[in-house]
Amino acid sequence: MSNQKKRPEVVAIYAEVSEFLAGKEFAFLLNFGGLTVAQISDLRRQLSGKGARMMVIKNAFIAKALGERGIAFPEGVLSGPTAVIAGQGDIADAAKTVVDFVKKNEKASIKAGLMADAVITEAQVNTLSELISLAAQQARLLGTLQAPASKMARVLQAKVDKEGAPASADGSADGTPAA
């Protein structure tokens, strides 16, 4: 850029873009050309529950903000209308939301993505969307950890049911003192 003084509104917009992209665990670049305001609003609503936000950003601002972090996209990615979906949390869940949206809205397409500071392709974003969500993985792990204890409890309960209630120390079956 030239040595001319930058306009304050440009500086403010760039600062907002830099802040939006800073500290995000993932980002997806979406070509949104041809979508209606209602469709874009629907995607924003879906993303709000996934720990992600969408912002339409000028390609030059994306290139500059990410370039300062040493990130560069392949040639052609930063052309045409670009929306950036960025967030923190479950990348698989957010990727699934974006991929499902693109499947329903043929005018939209995934350009590329970021996972931490690594550039990922559209195919890799599609692969991420097929992974099990973090919540489902946690539930599966919890079930696996609880299985031995549950099995042991069922075995003990079956033994009690078969043999009857154990007698208490004073000889009564229900633990009440004998008369």
C-alpha atoms as a PDB file:
ATOM      1  CA  MET A   1       0.000   0.000   0.000  1.00  0.00           C
ATOM      2  CA  SER A   2       1.060   3.570  -0.464  1.00  0.00           C
ATOM      3  CA  ASN A   3       2.333   5.885   2.213  1.00  0.00           C
ATOM      4  CA  GLN A   4      -0.875   7.908   2.077  1.00  0.00           C
ATOM      5  CA  LYS A   5      -2.835   8.212   5.262  1.00  0.00           C
ATOM      6  CA  LYS A   6      -5.472   5.491   5.526  1.00  0.00           C
ATOM      7  CA  ARG A   7      -9.075   6.524   5.971  1.00  0.00           C
ATOM      8  CA  PRO A   8     -10.342   6.015   9.543  1.00  0.00           C
ATOM      9  CA  GLU A   9     -13.305   3.895   8.438  1.00  0.00           C
ATOM     10  CA  VAL A  10     -10.969   1.506   6.579  1.00  0.00           C
ATOM     11  CA  VAL A  11      -8.750   1.227   9.655  1.00  0.00           C
ATOM     12  CA  ALA A  12     -11.817   0.545  11.827  1.00  0.00           C
ATOM     13  CA  ILE A  13     -13.156  -2.124   9.470  1.00  0.00           C
ATOM     14  CA  TYR A  14      -9.760  -3.814   9.284  1.00  0.00           C
ATOM     15  CA  ALA A  15      -9.530  -3.793  13.094  1.00  0.00           C
ATOM     16  CA  GLU A  16     -12.973  -5.432  13.295  1.00  0.00           C
ATOM     17  CA  VAL A  17     -11.947  -8.104  10.770  1.00  0.00           C
ATOM     18  CA  SER A  18      -8.689  -8.790  12.622  1.00  0.00           C
ATOM     19  CA  GLU A  19     -10.567  -9.096  15.916  1.00  0.00           C
ATOM     20  CA  PHE A  20     -13.160 -11.410  14.316  1.00  0.00           C
ATOM     21  CA  LEU A  21     -10.451 -13.769  13.022  1.00  0.00           C
ATOM     22  CA  ALA A  22      -8.167 -13.623  16.081  1.00  0.00           C
ATOM     23  CA  GLY A  23      -8.162 -16.597  18.408  1.00  0.00           C
ATOM     24  CA  LYS A  24     -10.614 -18.694  16.400  1.00  0.00           C
ATOM     25  CA  GLU A  25     -10.022 -22.444  16.313  1.00  0.00           C
ATOM     26  CA  PHE A  26     -11.521 -22.833  12.844  1.00  0.00           C
ATOM     27  CA  ALA A  27     -12.782 -20.870   9.872  1.00  0.00           C
ATOM     28  CA  PHE A  28     -14.522 -21.760   6.629  1.00  0.00           C
ATOM     29  CA  LEU A  29     -14.569 -19.546   3.545  1.00  0.00           C
ATOM     30  CA  LEU A  30     -17.867 -19.665   1.722  1.00  0.00           C
ATOM     31  CA  ASN A  31     -18.794 -18.349  -1.715  1.00  0.00           C
ATOM     32  CA  PHE A  32     -22.239 -16.925  -1.030  1.00  0.00           C
ATOM     33  CA  GLY A  33     -22.929 -15.308  -4.409  1.00  0.00           C
ATOM     34  CA  GLY A  34     -26.549 -15.649  -5.477  1.00  0.00           C
ATOM     35  CA  LEU A  35     -27.948 -16.396  -2.019  1.00  0.00           C
ATOM     36  CA  THR A  36     -30.852 -14.412  -0.642  1.00  0.00           C
ATOM     37  CA  VAL A  37     -30.756 -12.438   2.586  1.00  0.00           C
ATOM     38  CA  ALA A  38     -33.170 -14.991   4.073  1.00  0.00           C
ATOM     39  CA  GLN A  39     -30.828 -17.877   3.223  1.00  0.00           C
ATOM     40  CA  ILE A  40     -27.823 -16.085   4.718  1.00  0.00           C
ATOM     41  CA  SER A  41     -29.846 -15.221   7.832  1.00  0.00           C
ATOM     42  CA  ASP A  42     -30.868 -18.872   8.148  1.00  0.00           C
ATOM     43  CA  LEU A  43     -27.218 -19.975   8.029  1.00  0.00           C
ATOM     44  CA  ARG A  44     -26.266 -17.353  10.633  1.00  0.00           C
ATOM     45  CA  ARG A  45     -29.040 -18.621  12.905  1.00  0.00           C
ATOM     46  CA  GLN A  46     -27.889 -22.232  12.519  1.00  0.00           C
ATOM     47  CA  LEU A  47     -24.283 -21.277  13.270  1.00  0.00           C
ATOM     48  CA  SER A  48     -25.126 -19.313  16.415  1.00  0.00           C
ATOM     49  CA  GLY A  49     -25.832 -22.555  18.263  1.00  0.00           C
ATOM     50  CA  LYS A  50     -22.560 -24.104  17.069  1.00  0.00           C
ATOM     51  CA  GLY A  51     -20.111 -21.579  18.527  1.00  0.00           C
ATOM     52  CA  ALA A  52     -19.552 -19.928  15.141  1.00  0.00           C
ATOM     53  CA  ARG A  53     -20.346 -16.609  13.486  1.00  0.00           C
ATOM     54  CA  MET A  54     -20.447 -15.559   9.867  1.00  0.00           C
ATOM     55  CA  MET A  55     -19.142 -12.284   8.505  1.00  0.00           C
ATOM     56  CA  VAL A  56     -18.975 -11.067   4.914  1.00  0.00           C
ATOM     57  CA  ILE A  57     -15.451  -9.720   4.490  1.00  0.00           C
ATOM     58  CA  LYS A  58     -13.599  -8.075   1.620  1.00  0.00           C
ATOM     59  CA  ASN A  59     -10.997 -10.509   0.241  1.00  0.00           C
ATOM     60  CA  ALA A  60      -8.162  -7.986   0.639  1.00  0.00           C
ATOM     61  CA  PHE A  61      -8.929  -7.704   4.372  1.00  0.00           C
ATOM     62  CA  ILE A  62      -8.961 -11.490   4.765  1.00  0.00           C
ATOM     63  CA  ALA A  63      -5.623 -11.801   2.952  1.00  0.00           C
ATOM     64  CA  LYS A  64      -4.023  -9.039   5.016  1.00  0.00           C
ATOM     65  CA  ALA A  65      -5.348 -10.178   8.418  1.00  0.00           C
ATOM     66  CA  LEU A  66      -4.374 -13.803   7.864  1.00  0.00           C
ATOM     67  CA  GLY A  67      -1.162 -12.870   6.086  1.00  0.00           C
ATOM     68  CA  GLU A  68      -0.008 -11.166   9.281  1.00  0.00           C
ATOM     69  CA  ARG A  69      -0.312 -14.599  10.931  1.00  0.00           C
ATOM     70  CA  GLY A  70       1.643 -16.260   8.127  1.00  0.00           C
ATOM     71  CA  ILE A  71      -1.423 -17.841   6.528  1.00  0.00           C
ATOM     72  CA  ALA A  72      -1.909 -17.733   2.766  1.00  0.00           C
ATOM     73  CA  PHE A  73      -4.601 -19.401   0.687  1.00  0.00           C
ATOM     74  CA  PRO A  74      -3.962 -20.963  -2.707  1.00  0.00           C
ATOM     75  CA  GLU A  75      -4.456 -18.664  -5.691  1.00  0.00           C
ATOM     76  CA  GLY A  76      -8.090 -18.128  -6.619  1.00  0.00           C
ATOM     77  CA  VAL A  77      -9.560 -18.853  -3.182  1.00  0.00           C
ATOM     78  CA  LEU A  78      -9.848 -15.183  -2.302  1.00  0.00           C
ATOM     79  CA  SER A  79     -11.869 -14.087  -5.297  1.00  0.00           C
ATOM     80  CA  GLY A  80     -15.550 -13.372  -5.642  1.00  0.00           C
ATOM     81  CA  PRO A  81     -17.973 -12.856  -2.778  1.00  0.00           C
ATOM     82  CA  THR A  82     -16.583 -14.374   0.417  1.00  0.00           C
ATOM     83  CA  ALA A  83     -18.170 -14.992   3.779  1.00  0.00           C
ATOM     84  CA  VAL A  84     -16.012 -16.194   6.638  1.00  0.00           C
ATOM     85  CA  ILE A  85     -17.511 -18.550   9.177  1.00  0.00           C
ATOM     86  CA  ALA A  86     -15.261 -18.629  12.220  1.00  0.00           C
ATOM     87  CA  GLY A  87     -15.602 -20.009  15.703  1.00  0.00           C
ATOM     88  CA  GLN A  88     -14.388 -22.057  18.581  1.00  0.00           C
ATOM     89  CA  GLY A  89     -15.512 -25.417  19.841  1.00  0.00           C
ATOM     90  CA  ASP A  90     -16.713 -28.404  17.881  1.00  0.00           C
ATOM     91  CA  ILE A  91     -15.317 -27.997  14.361  1.00  0.00           C
ATOM     92  CA  ALA A  92     -17.086 -31.159  13.138  1.00  0.00           C
ATOM     93  CA  ASP A  93     -20.492 -29.838  14.184  1.00  0.00           C
ATOM     94  CA  ALA A  94     -19.880 -26.456  12.520  1.00  0.00           C
ATOM     95  CA  ALA A  95     -18.521 -28.134   9.362  1.00  0.00           C
ATOM     96  CA  LYS A  96     -21.615 -30.351   9.190  1.00  0.00           C
ATOM     97  CA  THR A  97     -23.854 -27.277   9.413  1.00  0.00           C
ATOM     98  CA  VAL A  98     -21.961 -25.523   6.601  1.00  0.00           C
ATOM     99  CA  VAL A  99     -21.792 -28.598   4.343  1.00  0.00           C
ATOM    100  CA  ASP A 100     -25.517 -29.318   4.839  1.00  0.00           C
ATOM    101  CA  PHE A 101     -26.309 -25.681   4.026  1.00  0.00           C
ATOM    102  CA  VAL A 102     -24.241 -25.828   0.825  1.00  0.00           C
ATOM    103  CA  LYS A 103     -25.982 -29.067  -0.232  1.00  0.00           C
ATOM    104  CA  LYS A 104     -29.387 -27.386   0.178  1.00  0.00           C
ATOM    105  CA  ASN A 105     -28.309 -24.144  -1.512  1.00  0.00           C
ATOM    106  CA  GLU A 106     -26.520 -24.954  -4.746  1.00  0.00           C
ATOM    107  CA  LYS A 107     -25.498 -21.329  -5.301  1.00  0.00           C
ATOM    108  CA  ALA A 108     -23.214 -21.489  -2.247  1.00  0.00           C
ATOM    109  CA  SER A 109     -19.901 -23.311  -2.196  1.00  0.00           C
ATOM    110  CA  ILE A 110     -17.055 -23.911   0.219  1.00  0.00           C
ATOM    111  CA  LYS A 111     -13.817 -22.293  -0.946  1.00  0.00           C
ATOM    112  CA  ALA A 112     -11.419 -23.462   1.785  1.00  0.00           C
ATOM    113  CA  GLY A 113     -11.005 -23.458   5.529  1.00  0.00           C
ATOM    114  CA  LEU A 114      -8.659 -23.080   8.435  1.00  0.00           C
ATOM    115  CA  MET A 115      -8.089 -25.475  11.278  1.00  0.00           C
ATOM    116  CA  ALA A 116      -5.975 -23.641  13.835  1.00  0.00           C
ATOM    117  CA  ASP A 117      -3.537 -21.948  11.425  1.00  0.00           C
ATOM    118  CA  ALA A 118      -3.491 -24.719   8.808  1.00  0.00           C
ATOM    119  CA  VAL A 119      -5.242 -24.180   5.481  1.00  0.00           C
ATOM    120  CA  ILE A 120      -7.665 -26.985   4.599  1.00  0.00           C
ATOM    121  CA  THR A 121      -9.390 -27.754   1.310  1.00  0.00           C
ATOM    122  CA  GLU A 122     -13.076 -28.074   0.525  1.00  0.00           C
ATOM    123  CA  ALA A 123     -12.668 -31.878   0.534  1.00  0.00           C
ATOM    124  CA  GLN A 124     -11.167 -31.733   4.026  1.00  0.00           C
ATOM    125  CA  VAL A 125     -14.075 -29.584   5.246  1.00  0.00           C
ATOM    126  CA  ASN A 126     -16.443 -32.227   3.830  1.00  0.00           C
ATOM    127  CA  THR A 127     -14.485 -34.938   5.671  1.00  0.00           C
ATOM    128  CA  LEU A 128     -14.707 -32.968   8.930  1.00  0.00           C
ATOM    129  CA  SER A 129     -18.477 -32.768   8.488  1.00  0.00           C
ATOM    130  CA  GLU A 130     -18.658 -36.572   8.497  1.00  0.00           C
ATOM    131  CA  LEU A 131     -16.944 -36.916  11.881  1.00  0.00           C
ATOM    132  CA  ILE A 132     -18.939 -37.607  15.010  1.00  0.00           C
ATOM    133  CA  SER A 133     -19.640 -34.436  16.981  1.00  0.00           C
ATOM    134  CA  LEU A 134     -17.750 -33.799  20.195  1.00  0.00           C
ATOM    135  CA  ALA A 135     -20.921 -34.243  22.275  1.00  0.00           C
ATOM    136  CA  ALA A 136     -21.605 -37.634  20.649  1.00  0.00           C
ATOM    137  CA  GLN A 137     -17.996 -38.691  21.227  1.00  0.00           C
ATOM    138  CA  GLN A 138     -18.234 -37.697  24.899  1.00  0.00           C
ATOM    139  CA  ALA A 139     -21.508 -39.611  25.310  1.00  0.00           C
ATOM    140  CA  ARG A 140     -19.983 -42.685  23.676  1.00  0.00           C
ATOM    141  CA  LEU A 141     -16.937 -42.501  25.984  1.00  0.00           C
ATOM    142  CA  LEU A 142     -19.129 -42.080  29.060  1.00  0.00           C
ATOM    143  CA  GLY A 143     -21.197 -45.099  28.044  1.00  0.00           C
ATOM    144  CA  THR A 144     -18.037 -47.142  27.588  1.00  0.00           C
ATOM    145  CA  LEU A 145     -16.729 -46.113  30.997  1.00  0.00           C
ATOM    146  CA  GLN A 146     -20.051 -46.852  32.700  1.00  0.00           C
ATOM    147  CA  ALA A 147     -20.557 -50.256  31.047  1.00  0.00           C
ATOM    148  CA  PRO A 148     -18.419 -52.329  33.482  1.00  0.00           C
ATOM    149  CA  ALA A 149     -20.088 -50.773  36.538  1.00  0.00           C
ATOM    150  CA  SER A 150     -23.556 -51.283  35.051  1.00  0.00           C
ATOM    151  CA  LYS A 151     -22.769 -54.900  34.202  1.00  0.00           C
ATOM    152  CA  MET A 152     -21.483 -55.554  37.707  1.00  0.00           C
ATOM    153  CA  ALA A 153     -24.605 -53.975  39.241  1.00  0.00           C
ATOM    154  CA  ARG A 154     -26.843 -56.192  37.067  1.00  0.00           C
ATOM    155  CA  VAL A 155     -24.910 -59.324  38.082  1.00  0.00           C
ATOM    156  CA  LEU A 156     -25.193 -58.438  41.787  1.00  0.00           C
ATOM    157  CA  GLN A 157     -28.886 -57.596  41.431  1.00  0.00           C
ATOM    158  CA  ALA A 158     -29.510 -60.941  39.706  1.00  0.00           C
ATOM    159  CA  LYS A 159     -27.734 -62.735  42.553  1.00  0.00           C
ATOM    160  CA  VAL A 160     -29.862 -60.895  45.123  1.00  0.00           C
ATOM    161  CA  ASP A 161     -33.035 -61.626  43.177  1.00  0.00           C
ATOM    162  CA  LYS A 162     -32.138 -65.322  42.924  1.00  0.00           C
ATOM    163  CA  GLU A 163     -31.116 -65.851  46.541  1.00  0.00           C
ATOM    164  CA  GLY A 164     -33.467 -63.385  48.201  1.00  0.00           C
ATOM    165  CA  ALA A 165     -32.565 -60.460  50.415  1.00  0.00           C
ATOM    166  CA  PRO A 166     -29.550 -61.073  52.659  1.00  0.00           C
ATOM    167  CA  ALA A 167     -30.259 -61.391  56.371  1.00  0.00           C
ATOM    168  CA  SER A 168     -29.097 -58.588  58.639  1.00  0.00           C
ATOM    169  CA  ALA A 169     -26.658 -59.131  61.504  1.00  0.00           C
ATOM    170  CA  ASP A 170     -29.508 -59.709  63.972  1.00  0.00           C
ATOM    171  CA  GLY A 171     -31.067 -62.419  61.823  1.00  0.00           C
ATOM    172  CA  SER A 172     -34.068 -60.589  60.325  1.00  0.00           C
ATOM    173  CA  ALA A 173     -34.438 -60.394  56.558  1.00  0.00           C
ATOM    174  CA  ASP A 174     -35.522 -56.734  56.411  1.00  0.00           C
ATOM    175  CA  GLY A 175     -33.122 -55.347  59.021  1.00  0.00           C
ATOM    176  CA  THR A 176     -35.809 -54.684  61.692  1.00  0.00           C
ATOM    177  CA  PRO A 177     -35.101 -55.996  65.190  1.00  0.00           C
ATOM    178  CA  ALA A 178     -36.657 -59.357  65.998  1.00  0.00           C
ATOM    179  CA  ALA A 179     -39.515 -59.249  68.520  1.00  0.00           C
END
